[in-house]
Amino acid sequence: MKDQLRKNLDEVIWNIEQARIAVSEHHIVKLVAVGKYSSEESIAALYELGQRAFGENQVQQLAARMEHLDHLPLEWHMIGSLQSNKINKLLELRPTLFQALDSIKLADALNQRLAKRNQTLNALLQINAANEETKSGVSVEEAVDRYQEIQERYPHIKLKGVMSIGTHTDETQAIQKSFESTYKIYDQLRKNGATICSMGMSSDYELAIRCGSNLVRVGSKIFK
């Protein structure tokens, strides 16, 4: 198992490097390994291979893995949609980054609970760059205003940047367009302190990096 994981991880890192250097030698890209379809043994093996940041789509799975792998100094990201009844549990876990802050309504609910706990949460604003009904997130048109609104109204949420999921299609141009839209917003928000542009998953992370992503969320390509 470990040999296969090493091979997969090396391949992904090599691809990230090629895409990163095509942008600039100074362009740094963080890899978050998404454990959704993997075992805790695989995550521990990846840690031994040098991977430190891991992401989960569900609060329950995140909680279980954080508990069972507590002996390893891992960096945990919550990358999936958050239901209001799971807010307290997520805040208990104190993840490094919550990547799916997708509405003012959720920001309001999070801030209220955070205030009660005298706690802060690092988060990314999720943008529905493809304007797809099946995806959550704020629209491209309102993203900058929503970002600034969250910064002004919700002091317990520390926005670090933006996240989006590429268009669900085989057409590279359409995916690229959605990534370029997100990057443009990220670029505008740098003056507001944004440092993370999270775009790209197993199927499109190289394209995402070429469009400016500095954080990719890769699962099946590593754990296949």
Foldseek 3Di string as FASTA:
>chain_A
DLVLLLVLVVVVVVLLCVLQVVQNPPQAAAEAAECAPHDLVSVVSVVVVPHAHYEYADLVVQVVSCVVVVVDNHQYEHEHDDDLVCLVSVVVVQGQEYEEQADVVVLVSNLVVCVVVVAAHEYAFEEALLPDPVDGHHYLVCVLVRVVVSVVPRVRYHYQYHEYEFDPDPDPVRRLNSLLSRVVSRVVCVVVNHDAYEYEEQVCNSSSVNSPHRYYYYYPSSRD
